[in-house]
Amino acid sequence: MSNNQQLAKEAEKGKTLKEKVDILMRIKGSMRGELLRNNFIYLKEKEGEGAVKKMEDRLKELGYPLIFKDIKTYGWYKDPFCAVFMLIFKEQFNWNEEDIVNLGRFSPKYSFIMKLAFKYLISAKIAFWAASKLWHKNVDYGEIESYEINEANKYLIFRLKEYELHPLVCLYIKGYFMGLFEYIVGKNSTLAEETKCTFKGDPYHEYKISWK
Protein backbone atom coordinates (compact mmCIF):
# COMPACT_ATOMS: atom_id res chain seq x y z
CA MET A 1 0.00 0.00 0.00
CA SER A 2 1.38 3.40 -0.98
CA ASN A 3 1.77 6.27 1.48
CA ASN A 4 -1.08 8.15 -0.23
CA GLN A 5 -3.35 5.11 0.12
CA GLN A 6 -2.53 4.81 3.81
CA LEU A 7 -3.26 8.50 4.39
CA ALA A 8 -6.53 8.34 2.46
CA LYS A 9 -7.77 5.42 4.51
CA GLU A 10 -6.56 7.02 7.74
CA ALA A 11 -8.39 10.24 6.91
CA GLU A 12 -11.69 8.35 6.63
CA LYS A 13 -11.35 7.37 10.29
CA GLY A 14 -10.84 10.93 11.55
CA LYS A 15 -13.33 11.90 14.24
CA THR A 16 -13.54 15.58 13.34
CA LEU A 17 -13.35 17.46 10.06
CA LYS A 18 -10.12 19.10 11.22
CA GLU A 19 -8.54 15.70 11.83
CA LYS A 20 -9.63 14.43 8.42
CA VAL A 21 -8.41 17.53 6.63
CA ASP A 22 -5.02 17.55 8.35
CA ILE A 23 -4.43 13.97 7.23
CA LEU A 24 -5.70 14.53 3.69
CA MET A 25 -3.43 17.52 3.19
CA ARG A 26 -0.42 15.27 3.73
CA ILE A 27 -1.26 13.39 0.52
CA LYS A 28 1.20 14.25 -2.24
CA GLY A 29 -0.10 15.45 -5.59
CA SER A 30 -1.26 18.61 -7.32
CA MET A 31 -4.08 19.79 -9.56
CA ARG A 32 -4.79 22.82 -11.70
CA GLY A 33 -6.35 25.79 -9.98
CA GLU A 34 -9.12 25.77 -12.55
CA LEU A 35 -10.71 22.75 -10.88
CA LEU A 36 -10.92 24.64 -7.59
CA ARG A 37 -12.26 27.74 -9.33
CA ASN A 38 -14.99 25.67 -10.97
CA ASN A 39 -15.99 24.27 -7.58
CA PHE A 40 -16.37 27.80 -6.25
CA ILE A 41 -18.38 28.84 -9.32
CA TYR A 42 -20.76 25.92 -8.93
CA LEU A 43 -21.09 26.60 -5.21
CA LYS A 44 -22.02 30.21 -5.91
CA GLU A 45 -24.63 29.21 -8.51
CA LYS A 46 -26.15 26.55 -6.29
CA GLU A 47 -26.01 28.18 -2.85
CA GLY A 48 -25.77 31.92 -3.56
CA GLU A 49 -23.18 34.68 -3.24
CA GLY A 50 -22.73 34.29 0.51
CA ALA A 51 -21.71 30.66 0.16
CA VAL A 52 -18.32 31.59 -1.29
CA LYS A 53 -17.44 33.72 1.76
CA LYS A 54 -18.71 30.97 4.07
CA MET A 55 -16.49 28.48 2.27
CA GLU A 56 -13.45 30.75 2.46
CA ASP A 57 -14.03 31.32 6.18
CA ARG A 58 -14.27 27.58 6.87
CA LEU A 59 -11.06 26.87 4.97
CA LYS A 60 -9.31 29.53 7.05
CA GLU A 61 -10.68 28.05 10.29
CA LEU A 62 -9.32 24.65 9.29
CA GLY A 63 -5.89 26.15 8.70
CA TYR A 64 -5.81 26.04 4.89
CA PRO A 65 -6.92 29.48 3.65
CA LEU A 66 -7.84 29.86 0.00
CA ILE A 67 -9.49 32.87 -1.65
CA PHE A 68 -11.60 32.31 -4.75
CA LYS A 69 -10.51 35.40 -6.66
CA ASP A 70 -6.82 34.66 -6.05
CA ILE A 71 -6.84 31.15 -7.55
CA LYS A 72 -4.87 30.95 -10.80
CA THR A 73 -6.41 28.85 -13.58
CA TYR A 74 -3.11 27.26 -14.64
CA GLY A 75 -1.52 27.32 -11.21
CA TRP A 76 -0.82 24.10 -9.32
CA TYR A 77 -2.50 23.52 -5.95
CA LYS A 78 -2.51 20.61 -3.53
CA ASP A 79 -4.87 17.98 -4.91
CA PRO A 80 -6.27 17.12 -1.45
CA PHE A 81 -8.12 20.44 -1.62
CA CYS A 82 -10.56 18.60 -3.91
CA ALA A 83 -11.57 16.24 -1.09
CA VAL A 84 -11.50 19.02 1.51
CA PHE A 85 -13.93 21.09 -0.55
CA MET A 86 -16.40 18.22 -0.73
CA LEU A 87 -16.20 17.50 2.98
CA ILE A 88 -16.96 21.16 3.67
CA PHE A 89 -19.81 21.15 1.15
CA LYS A 90 -21.35 18.27 3.12
CA GLU A 91 -20.78 19.91 6.46
CA GLN A 92 -21.80 23.49 5.64
CA PHE A 93 -24.44 23.02 2.94
CA ASN A 94 -25.77 19.51 3.61
CA TRP A 95 -24.81 18.23 0.17
CA ASN A 96 -25.55 14.58 -0.61
CA GLU A 97 -23.92 12.17 -3.05
CA GLU A 98 -26.01 13.40 -5.98
CA ASP A 99 -24.84 16.96 -5.31
CA ILE A 100 -21.21 15.83 -5.47
CA VAL A 101 -21.81 13.96 -8.74
CA ASN A 102 -23.42 17.08 -10.20
CA LEU A 103 -20.43 19.14 -9.07
CA GLY A 104 -18.15 16.90 -11.13
CA ARG A 105 -20.57 16.90 -14.03
CA PHE A 106 -20.52 20.70 -14.06
CA SER A 107 -16.75 21.09 -14.10
CA PRO A 108 -15.89 20.33 -17.77
CA LYS A 109 -18.54 22.78 -18.95
CA TYR A 110 -16.73 25.73 -17.34
CA SER A 111 -13.19 24.53 -17.96
CA PHE A 112 -11.04 26.65 -20.26
CA ILE A 113 -8.61 23.75 -20.56
CA MET A 114 -11.38 21.38 -21.63
CA LYS A 115 -12.94 23.89 -24.03
CA LEU A 116 -9.67 23.87 -25.93
CA ALA A 117 -9.66 20.07 -25.90
CA PHE A 118 -13.26 19.82 -27.13
CA LYS A 119 -12.13 21.12 -30.53
CA TYR A 120 -10.41 17.77 -31.03
CA LEU A 121 -12.62 15.41 -29.01
CA ILE A 122 -15.08 14.82 -31.83
CA SER A 123 -15.94 11.22 -30.96
CA ALA A 124 -16.06 8.89 -27.99
CA LYS A 125 -13.20 6.90 -29.51
CA ILE A 126 -10.89 9.90 -29.71
CA ALA A 127 -11.77 10.94 -26.15
CA PHE A 128 -11.16 7.37 -24.98
CA TRP A 129 -7.58 7.34 -26.24
CA ALA A 130 -6.91 10.93 -25.18
CA ALA A 131 -8.01 10.37 -21.57
CA SER A 132 -4.54 9.86 -20.08
CA LYS A 133 -3.19 13.02 -21.69
CA LEU A 134 -6.20 15.03 -20.54
CA TRP A 135 -5.84 13.70 -17.00
CA HIS A 136 -2.26 14.93 -16.77
CA LYS A 137 -3.25 18.37 -18.00
CA ASN A 138 -5.26 18.68 -14.79
CA VAL A 139 -3.59 16.40 -12.21
CA ASP A 140 0.10 15.56 -11.84
CA TYR A 141 -0.18 12.05 -10.36
CA GLY A 142 -2.26 8.91 -10.85
CA GLU A 143 -2.73 7.12 -14.16
CA ILE A 144 -5.77 6.71 -16.41
CA GLU A 145 -5.81 3.47 -18.38
CA SER A 146 -8.08 3.41 -21.43
CA TYR A 147 -9.09 -0.17 -20.77
CA GLU A 148 -12.00 -1.06 -23.09
CA ILE A 149 -14.20 0.56 -25.70
CA ASN A 150 -17.20 -1.03 -27.40
CA GLU A 151 -18.73 1.38 -29.88
CA ALA A 152 -21.32 -1.16 -31.04
CA ASN A 153 -22.75 -1.50 -27.53
CA LYS A 154 -21.96 2.14 -26.72
CA TYR A 155 -19.80 1.91 -23.64
CA LEU A 156 -16.20 2.36 -22.58
CA ILE A 157 -14.21 1.65 -19.44
CA PHE A 158 -11.43 3.59 -17.76
CA ARG A 159 -9.23 2.44 -14.92
CA LEU A 160 -7.76 5.01 -12.57
CA LYS A 161 -4.65 3.76 -10.79
CA GLU A 162 -2.34 5.08 -8.06
CA TYR A 163 -4.81 7.78 -7.11
CA GLU A 164 -6.29 7.99 -3.63
CA LEU A 165 -8.15 10.82 -1.89
CA HIS A 166 -11.62 10.15 -0.54
CA PRO A 167 -14.82 8.28 -1.56
CA LEU A 168 -16.49 11.64 -2.25
CA VAL A 169 -13.85 12.31 -4.90
CA CYS A 170 -14.84 9.03 -6.55
CA LEU A 171 -18.33 10.49 -6.98
CA TYR A 172 -16.88 13.73 -8.33
CA ILE A 173 -14.82 11.85 -10.94
CA LYS A 174 -17.89 9.85 -11.95
CA GLY A 175 -19.73 13.12 -12.54
CA TYR A 176 -16.75 14.58 -14.41
CA PHE A 177 -16.79 11.67 -16.86
CA MET A 178 -20.52 12.21 -17.38
CA GLY A 179 -20.05 15.90 -18.08
CA LEU A 180 -17.15 15.25 -20.44
CA PHE A 181 -18.96 12.69 -22.58
CA GLU A 182 -22.20 14.66 -22.63
CA TYR A 183 -20.33 17.12 -24.82
CA ILE A 184 -19.30 14.34 -27.17
CA VAL A 185 -22.29 11.99 -27.42
CA GLY A 186 -25.14 14.26 -26.33
CA LYS A 187 -26.59 15.71 -23.17
CA ASN A 188 -28.88 13.50 -21.06
CA SER A 189 -27.84 10.39 -22.97
CA THR A 190 -24.75 9.57 -20.91
CA LEU A 191 -24.48 7.37 -17.83
CA ALA A 192 -21.44 6.69 -15.65
CA GLU A 193 -20.83 4.28 -12.80
CA GLU A 194 -17.86 3.34 -10.68
CA THR A 195 -17.70 -0.43 -11.00
CA LYS A 196 -14.56 -0.89 -8.88
CA CYS A 197 -13.14 1.23 -6.08
CA THR A 198 -10.04 0.97 -3.91
CA PHE A 199 -12.08 2.13 -0.92
CA LYS A 200 -14.11 -1.07 -1.36
CA GLY A 201 -11.05 -3.29 -1.58
CA ASP A 202 -10.41 -3.25 -5.33
CA PRO A 203 -6.89 -2.66 -6.72
CA TYR A 204 -7.96 0.41 -8.72
CA HIS A 205 -10.93 2.61 -9.56
CA GLU A 206 -12.89 1.58 -12.63
CA TYR A 207 -15.48 3.71 -14.39
CA LYS A 208 -17.90 2.57 -17.05
CA ILE A 209 -19.40 5.25 -19.29
CA SER A 210 -22.31 4.31 -21.53
CA TRP A 211 -24.57 6.22 -23.87
CA LYS A 212 -27.76 5.74 -25.85
C-alpha atoms as a PDB file:
ATOM      1  CA  MET A   1       0.000   0.000   0.000  1.00  0.00           C
ATOM      2  CA  SER A   2       1.384   3.404  -0.977  1.00  0.00           C
ATOM      3  CA  ASN A   3       1.767   6.274   1.485  1.00  0.00           C
ATOM      4  CA  ASN A   4      -1.077   8.148  -0.234  1.00  0.00           C
ATOM      5  CA  GLN A   5      -3.348   5.110   0.122  1.00  0.00           C
ATOM      6  CA  GLN A   6      -2.527   4.814   3.808  1.00  0.00           C
ATOM      7  CA  LEU A   7      -3.258   8.497   4.393  1.00  0.00           C
ATOM      8  CA  ALA A   8      -6.532   8.344   2.456  1.00  0.00           C
ATOM      9  CA  LYS A   9      -7.770   5.423   4.511  1.00  0.00           C
ATOM     10  CA  GLU A  10      -6.555   7.016   7.743  1.00  0.00           C
ATOM     11  CA  ALA A  11      -8.393  10.245   6.912  1.00  0.00           C
ATOM     12  CA  GLU A  12     -11.686   8.355   6.631  1.00  0.00           C
ATOM     13  CA  LYS A  13     -11.349   7.366  10.287  1.00  0.00           C
ATOM     14  CA  GLY A  14     -10.835  10.932  11.548  1.00  0.00           C
ATOM     15  CA  LYS A  15     -13.327  11.904  14.238  1.00  0.00           C
ATOM     16  CA  THR A  16     -13.535  15.578  13.336  1.00  0.00           C
ATOM     17  CA  LEU A  17     -13.353  17.461  10.062  1.00  0.00           C
ATOM     18  CA  LYS A  18     -10.122  19.100  11.219  1.00  0.00           C
ATOM     19  CA  GLU A  19      -8.541  15.695  11.834  1.00  0.00           C
ATOM     20  CA  LYS A  20      -9.629  14.429   8.422  1.00  0.00           C
ATOM     21  CA  VAL A  21      -8.413  17.530   6.626  1.00  0.00           C
ATOM     22  CA  ASP A  22      -5.018  17.551   8.347  1.00  0.00           C
ATOM     23  CA  ILE A  23      -4.426  13.965   7.232  1.00  0.00           C
ATOM     24  CA  LEU A  24      -5.697  14.525   3.695  1.00  0.00           C
ATOM     25  CA  MET A  25      -3.432  17.525   3.187  1.00  0.00           C
ATOM     26  CA  ARG A  26      -0.424  15.272   3.727  1.00  0.00           C
ATOM     27  CA  ILE A  27      -1.262  13.392   0.519  1.00  0.00           C
ATOM     28  CA  LYS A  28       1.197  14.248  -2.239  1.00  0.00           C
ATOM     29  CA  GLY A  29      -0.100  15.448  -5.585  1.00  0.00           C
ATOM     30  CA  SER A  30      -1.260  18.608  -7.323  1.00  0.00           C
ATOM     31  CA  MET A  31      -4.077  19.791  -9.558  1.00  0.00           C
ATOM     32  CA  ARG A  32      -4.788  22.817 -11.696  1.00  0.00           C
ATOM     33  CA  GLY A  33      -6.353  25.791  -9.985  1.00  0.00           C
ATOM     34  CA  GLU A  34      -9.124  25.773 -12.554  1.00  0.00           C
ATOM     35  CA  LEU A  35     -10.706  22.753 -10.879  1.00  0.00           C
ATOM     36  CA  LEU A  36     -10.920  24.643  -7.588  1.00  0.00           C
ATOM     37  CA  ARG A  37     -12.262  27.740  -9.326  1.00  0.00           C
ATOM     38  CA  ASN A  38     -14.989  25.665 -10.974  1.00  0.00           C
ATOM     39  CA  ASN A  39     -15.989  24.272  -7.582  1.00  0.00           C
ATOM     40  CA  PHE A  40     -16.372  27.797  -6.251  1.00  0.00           C
ATOM     41  CA  ILE A  41     -18.381  28.842  -9.324  1.00  0.00           C
ATOM     42  CA  TYR A  42     -20.764  25.916  -8.928  1.00  0.00           C
ATOM     43  CA  LEU A  43     -21.093  26.595  -5.206  1.00  0.00           C
ATOM     44  CA  LYS A  44     -22.017  30.213  -5.914  1.00  0.00           C
ATOM     45  CA  GLU A  45     -24.630  29.210  -8.513  1.00  0.00           C
ATOM     46  CA  LYS A  46     -26.151  26.549  -6.286  1.00  0.00           C
ATOM     47  CA  GLU A  47     -26.011  28.182  -2.854  1.00  0.00           C
ATOM     48  CA  GLY A  48     -25.775  31.918  -3.560  1.00  0.00           C
ATOM     49  CA  GLU A  49     -23.179  34.681  -3.241  1.00  0.00           C
ATOM     50  CA  GLY A  50     -22.727  34.290   0.513  1.00  0.00           C
ATOM     51  CA  ALA A  51     -21.708  30.659   0.158  1.00  0.00           C
ATOM     52  CA  VAL A  52     -18.316  31.593  -1.285  1.00  0.00           C
ATOM     53  CA  LYS A  53     -17.436  33.717   1.760  1.00  0.00           C
ATOM     54  CA  LYS A  54     -18.711  30.973   4.067  1.00  0.00           C
ATOM     55  CA  MET A  55     -16.486  28.479   2.268  1.00  0.00           C
ATOM     56  CA  GLU A  56     -13.447  30.748   2.465  1.00  0.00           C
ATOM     57  CA  ASP A  57     -14.028  31.317   6.183  1.00  0.00           C
ATOM     58  CA  ARG A  58     -14.268  27.580   6.867  1.00  0.00           C
ATOM     59  CA  LEU A  59     -11.056  26.874   4.965  1.00  0.00           C
ATOM     60  CA  LYS A  60      -9.305  29.531   7.049  1.00  0.00           C
ATOM     61  CA  GLU A  61     -10.681  28.049  10.294  1.00  0.00           C
ATOM     62  CA  LEU A  62      -9.325  24.647   9.289  1.00  0.00           C
ATOM     63  CA  GLY A  63      -5.892  26.148   8.697  1.00  0.00           C
ATOM     64  CA  TYR A  64      -5.811  26.042   4.886  1.00  0.00           C
ATOM     65  CA  PRO A  65      -6.920  29.477   3.648  1.00  0.00           C
ATOM     66  CA  LEU A  66      -7.842  29.862   0.002  1.00  0.00           C
ATOM     67  CA  ILE A  67      -9.486  32.872  -1.645  1.00  0.00           C
ATOM     68  CA  PHE A  68     -11.601  32.308  -4.747  1.00  0.00           C
ATOM     69  CA  LYS A  69     -10.511  35.402  -6.663  1.00  0.00           C
ATOM     70  CA  ASP A  70      -6.824  34.664  -6.048  1.00  0.00           C
ATOM     71  CA  ILE A  71      -6.844  31.149  -7.553  1.00  0.00           C
ATOM     72  CA  LYS A  72      -4.872  30.954 -10.803  1.00  0.00           C
ATOM     73  CA  THR A  73      -6.407  28.854 -13.578  1.00  0.00           C
ATOM     74  CA  TYR A  74      -3.109  27.260 -14.642  1.00  0.00           C
ATOM     75  CA  GLY A  75      -1.519  27.315 -11.210  1.00  0.00           C
ATOM     76  CA  TRP A  76      -0.815  24.097  -9.323  1.00  0.00           C
ATOM     77  CA  TYR A  77      -2.497  23.524  -5.950  1.00  0.00           C
ATOM     78  CA  LYS A  78      -2.510  20.608  -3.532  1.00  0.00           C
ATOM     79  CA  ASP A  79      -4.871  17.982  -4.915  1.00  0.00           C
ATOM     80  CA  PRO A  80      -6.267  17.117  -1.445  1.00  0.00           C
ATOM     81  CA  PHE A  81      -8.119  20.437  -1.618  1.00  0.00           C
ATOM     82  CA  CYS A  82     -10.560  18.600  -3.905  1.00  0.00           C
ATOM     83  CA  ALA A  83     -11.566  16.240  -1.088  1.00  0.00           C
ATOM     84  CA  VAL A  84     -11.500  19.022   1.510  1.00  0.00           C
ATOM     85  CA  PHE A  85     -13.929  21.087  -0.547  1.00  0.00           C
ATOM     86  CA  MET A  86     -16.399  18.220  -0.734  1.00  0.00           C
ATOM     87  CA  LEU A  87     -16.204  17.503   2.976  1.00  0.00           C
ATOM     88  CA  ILE A  88     -16.961  21.161   3.674  1.00  0.00           C
ATOM     89  CA  PHE A  89     -19.808  21.148   1.154  1.00  0.00           C
ATOM     90  CA  LYS A  90     -21.352  18.266   3.117  1.00  0.00           C
ATOM     91  CA  GLU A  91     -20.785  19.913   6.462  1.00  0.00           C
ATOM     92  CA  GLN A  92     -21.797  23.490   5.643  1.00  0.00           C
ATOM     93  CA  PHE A  93     -24.436  23.017   2.937  1.00  0.00           C
ATOM     94  CA  ASN A  94     -25.771  19.507   3.608  1.00  0.00           C
ATOM     95  CA  TRP A  95     -24.814  18.230   0.171  1.00  0.00           C
ATOM     96  CA  ASN A  96     -25.549  14.583  -0.608  1.00  0.00           C
ATOM     97  CA  GLU A  97     -23.918  12.170  -3.050  1.00  0.00           C
ATOM     98  CA  GLU A  98     -26.008  13.402  -5.977  1.00  0.00           C
ATOM     99  CA  ASP A  99     -24.836  16.958  -5.314  1.00  0.00           C
ATOM    100  CA  ILE A 100     -21.208  15.832  -5.470  1.00  0.00           C
ATOM    101  CA  VAL A 101     -21.807  13.956  -8.739  1.00  0.00           C
ATOM    102  CA  ASN A 102     -23.416  17.077 -10.202  1.00  0.00           C
ATOM    103  CA  LEU A 103     -20.433  19.145  -9.072  1.00  0.00           C
ATOM    104  CA  GLY A 104     -18.153  16.899 -11.127  1.00  0.00           C
ATOM    105  CA  ARG A 105     -20.568  16.902 -14.029  1.00  0.00           C
ATOM    106  CA  PHE A 106     -20.523  20.699 -14.062  1.00  0.00           C
ATOM    107  CA  SER A 107     -16.745  21.086 -14.095  1.00  0.00           C
ATOM    108  CA  PRO A 108     -15.889  20.329 -17.771  1.00  0.00           C
ATOM    109  CA  LYS A 109     -18.544  22.780 -18.948  1.00  0.00           C
ATOM    110  CA  TYR A 110     -16.728  25.726 -17.343  1.00  0.00           C
ATOM    111  CA  SER A 111     -13.195  24.531 -17.958  1.00  0.00           C
ATOM    112  CA  PHE A 112     -11.045  26.654 -20.259  1.00  0.00           C
ATOM    113  CA  ILE A 113      -8.613  23.754 -20.560  1.00  0.00           C
ATOM    114  CA  MET A 114     -11.377  21.377 -21.632  1.00  0.00           C
ATOM    115  CA  LYS A 115     -12.942  23.891 -24.027  1.00  0.00           C
ATOM    116  CA  LEU A 116      -9.666  23.867 -25.930  1.00  0.00           C
ATOM    117  CA  ALA A 117      -9.665  20.071 -25.904  1.00  0.00           C
ATOM    118  CA  PHE A 118     -13.264  19.822 -27.131  1.00  0.00           C
ATOM    119  CA  LYS A 119     -12.126  21.115 -30.531  1.00  0.00           C
ATOM    120  CA  TYR A 120     -10.407  17.773 -31.032  1.00  0.00           C
ATOM    121  CA  LEU A 121     -12.622  15.407 -29.006  1.00  0.00           C
ATOM    122  CA  ILE A 122     -15.077  14.825 -31.829  1.00  0.00           C
ATOM    123  CA  SER A 123     -15.937  11.223 -30.960  1.00  0.00           C
ATOM    124  CA  ALA A 124     -16.057   8.885 -27.988  1.00  0.00           C
ATOM    125  CA  LYS A 125     -13.204   6.898 -29.509  1.00  0.00           C
ATOM    126  CA  ILE A 126     -10.890   9.903 -29.708  1.00  0.00           C
ATOM    127  CA  ALA A 127     -11.773  10.942 -26.147  1.00  0.00           C
ATOM    128  CA  PHE A 128     -11.157   7.370 -24.981  1.00  0.00           C
ATOM    129  CA  TRP A 129      -7.580   7.337 -26.239  1.00  0.00           C
ATOM    130  CA  ALA A 130      -6.908  10.933 -25.177  1.00  0.00           C
ATOM    131  CA  ALA A 131      -8.008  10.374 -21.568  1.00  0.00           C
ATOM    132  CA  SER A 132      -4.537   9.862 -20.076  1.00  0.00           C
ATOM    133  CA  LYS A 133      -3.191  13.023 -21.694  1.00  0.00           C
ATOM    134  CA  LEU A 134      -6.198  15.033 -20.544  1.00  0.00           C
ATOM    135  CA  TRP A 135      -5.838  13.697 -17.000  1.00  0.00           C
ATOM    136  CA  HIS A 136      -2.257  14.932 -16.768  1.00  0.00           C
ATOM    137  CA  LYS A 137      -3.248  18.371 -18.002  1.00  0.00           C
ATOM    138  CA  ASN A 138      -5.258  18.683 -14.787  1.00  0.00           C
ATOM    139  CA  VAL A 139      -3.595  16.398 -12.214  1.00  0.00           C
ATOM    140  CA  ASP A 140       0.102  15.561 -11.837  1.00  0.00           C
ATOM    141  CA  TYR A 141      -0.182  12.048 -10.362  1.00  0.00           C
ATOM    142  CA  GLY A 142      -2.262   8.914 -10.851  1.00  0.00           C
ATOM    143  CA  GLU A 143      -2.726   7.122 -14.160  1.00  0.00           C
ATOM    144  CA  ILE A 144      -5.769   6.713 -16.406  1.00  0.00           C
ATOM    145  CA  GLU A 145      -5.809   3.474 -18.380  1.00  0.00           C
ATOM    146  CA  SER A 146      -8.076   3.414 -21.430  1.00  0.00           C
ATOM    147  CA  TYR A 147      -9.094  -0.172 -20.771  1.00  0.00           C
ATOM    148  CA  GLU A 148     -11.998  -1.056 -23.085  1.00  0.00           C
ATOM    149  CA  ILE A 149     -14.198   0.560 -25.699  1.00  0.00           C
ATOM    150  CA  ASN A 150     -17.202  -1.033 -27.399  1.00  0.00           C
ATOM    151  CA  GLU A 151     -18.734   1.376 -29.884  1.00  0.00           C
ATOM    152  CA  ALA A 152     -21.323  -1.156 -31.043  1.00  0.00           C
ATOM    153  CA  ASN A 153     -22.752  -1.496 -27.533  1.00  0.00           C
ATOM    154  CA  LYS A 154     -21.963   2.136 -26.719  1.00  0.00           C
ATOM    155  CA  TYR A 155     -19.801   1.915 -23.638  1.00  0.00           C
ATOM    156  CA  LEU A 156     -16.200   2.365 -22.578  1.00  0.00           C
ATOM    157  CA  ILE A 157     -14.207   1.647 -19.443  1.00  0.00           C
ATOM    158  CA  PHE A 158     -11.426   3.594 -17.760  1.00  0.00           C
ATOM    159  CA  ARG A 159      -9.234   2.439 -14.922  1.00  0.00           C
ATOM    160  CA  LEU A 160      -7.755   5.014 -12.570  1.00  0.00           C
ATOM    161  CA  LYS A 161      -4.648   3.755 -10.785  1.00  0.00           C
ATOM    162  CA  GLU A 162      -2.338   5.077  -8.060  1.00  0.00           C
ATOM    163  CA  TYR A 163      -4.807   7.783  -7.113  1.00  0.00           C
ATOM    164  CA  GLU A 164      -6.291   7.994  -3.632  1.00  0.00           C
ATOM    165  CA  LEU A 165      -8.150  10.817  -1.892  1.00  0.00           C
ATOM    166  CA  HIS A 166     -11.622  10.149  -0.538  1.00  0.00           C
ATOM    167  CA  PRO A 167     -14.816   8.278  -1.562  1.00  0.00           C
ATOM    168  CA  LEU A 168     -16.487  11.636  -2.250  1.00  0.00           C
ATOM    169  CA  VAL A 169     -13.853  12.307  -4.903  1.00  0.00           C
ATOM    170  CA  CYS A 170     -14.837   9.029  -6.555  1.00  0.00           C
ATOM    171  CA  LEU A 171     -18.330  10.491  -6.981  1.00  0.00           C
ATOM    172  CA  TYR A 172     -16.883  13.726  -8.326  1.00  0.00           C
ATOM    173  CA  ILE A 173     -14.820  11.854 -10.943  1.00  0.00           C
ATOM    174  CA  LYS A 174     -17.887   9.854 -11.950  1.00  0.00           C
ATOM    175  CA  GLY A 175     -19.731  13.122 -12.539  1.00  0.00           C
ATOM    176  CA  TYR A 176     -16.755  14.585 -14.410  1.00  0.00           C
ATOM    177  CA  PHE A 177     -16.794  11.666 -16.859  1.00  0.00           C
ATOM    178  CA  MET A 178     -20.521  12.210 -17.380  1.00  0.00           C
ATOM    179  CA  GLY A 179     -20.053  15.903 -18.076  1.00  0.00           C
ATOM    180  CA  LEU A 180     -17.155  15.255 -20.436  1.00  0.00           C
ATOM    181  CA  PHE A 181     -18.956  12.694 -22.576  1.00  0.00           C
ATOM    182  CA  GLU A 182     -22.197  14.664 -22.630  1.00  0.00           C
ATOM    183  CA  TYR A 183     -20.334  17.122 -24.825  1.00  0.00           C
ATOM    184  CA  ILE A 184     -19.302  14.345 -27.174  1.00  0.00           C
ATOM    185  CA  VAL A 185     -22.294  11.994 -27.422  1.00  0.00           C
ATOM    186  CA  GLY A 186     -25.142  14.257 -26.327  1.00  0.00           C
ATOM    187  CA  LYS A 187     -26.594  15.708 -23.167  1.00  0.00           C
ATOM    188  CA  ASN A 188     -28.878  13.501 -21.057  1.00  0.00           C
ATOM    189  CA  SER A 189     -27.837  10.386 -22.971  1.00  0.00           C
ATOM    190  CA  THR A 190     -24.748   9.568 -20.912  1.00  0.00           C
ATOM    191  CA  LEU A 191     -24.476   7.368 -17.830  1.00  0.00           C
ATOM    192  CA  ALA A 192     -21.445   6.686 -15.648  1.00  0.00           C
ATOM    193  CA  GLU A 193     -20.829   4.280 -12.798  1.00  0.00           C
ATOM    194  CA  GLU A 194     -17.857   3.344 -10.675  1.00  0.00           C
ATOM    195  CA  THR A 195     -17.702  -0.432 -11.005  1.00  0.00           C
ATOM    196  CA  LYS A 196     -14.556  -0.894  -8.882  1.00  0.00           C
ATOM    197  CA  CYS A 197     -13.141   1.235  -6.080  1.00  0.00           C
ATOM    198  CA  THR A 198     -10.044   0.972  -3.914  1.00  0.00           C
ATOM    199  CA  PHE A 199     -12.082   2.130  -0.921  1.00  0.00           C
ATOM    200  CA  LYS A 200     -14.106  -1.070  -1.362  1.00  0.00           C
ATOM    201  CA  GLY A 201     -11.047  -3.290  -1.576  1.00  0.00           C
ATOM    202  CA  ASP A 202     -10.413  -3.250  -5.331  1.00  0.00           C
ATOM    203  CA  PRO A 203      -6.888  -2.660  -6.717  1.00  0.00           C
ATOM    204  CA  TYR A 204      -7.958   0.408  -8.716  1.00  0.00           C
ATOM    205  CA  HIS A 205     -10.927   2.605  -9.556  1.00  0.00           C
ATOM    206  CA  GLU A 206     -12.895   1.576 -12.627  1.00  0.00           C
ATOM    207  CA  TYR A 207     -15.479   3.713 -14.388  1.00  0.00           C
ATOM    208  CA  LYS A 208     -17.899   2.568 -17.053  1.00  0.00           C
ATOM    209  CA  ILE A 209     -19.396   5.249 -19.286  1.00  0.00           C
ATOM    210  CA  SER A 210     -22.309   4.310 -21.527  1.00  0.00           C
ATOM    211  CA  TRP A 211     -24.567   6.222 -23.869  1.00  0.00           C
ATOM    212  CA  LYS A 212     -27.763   5.741 -25.851  1.00  0.00           C
END
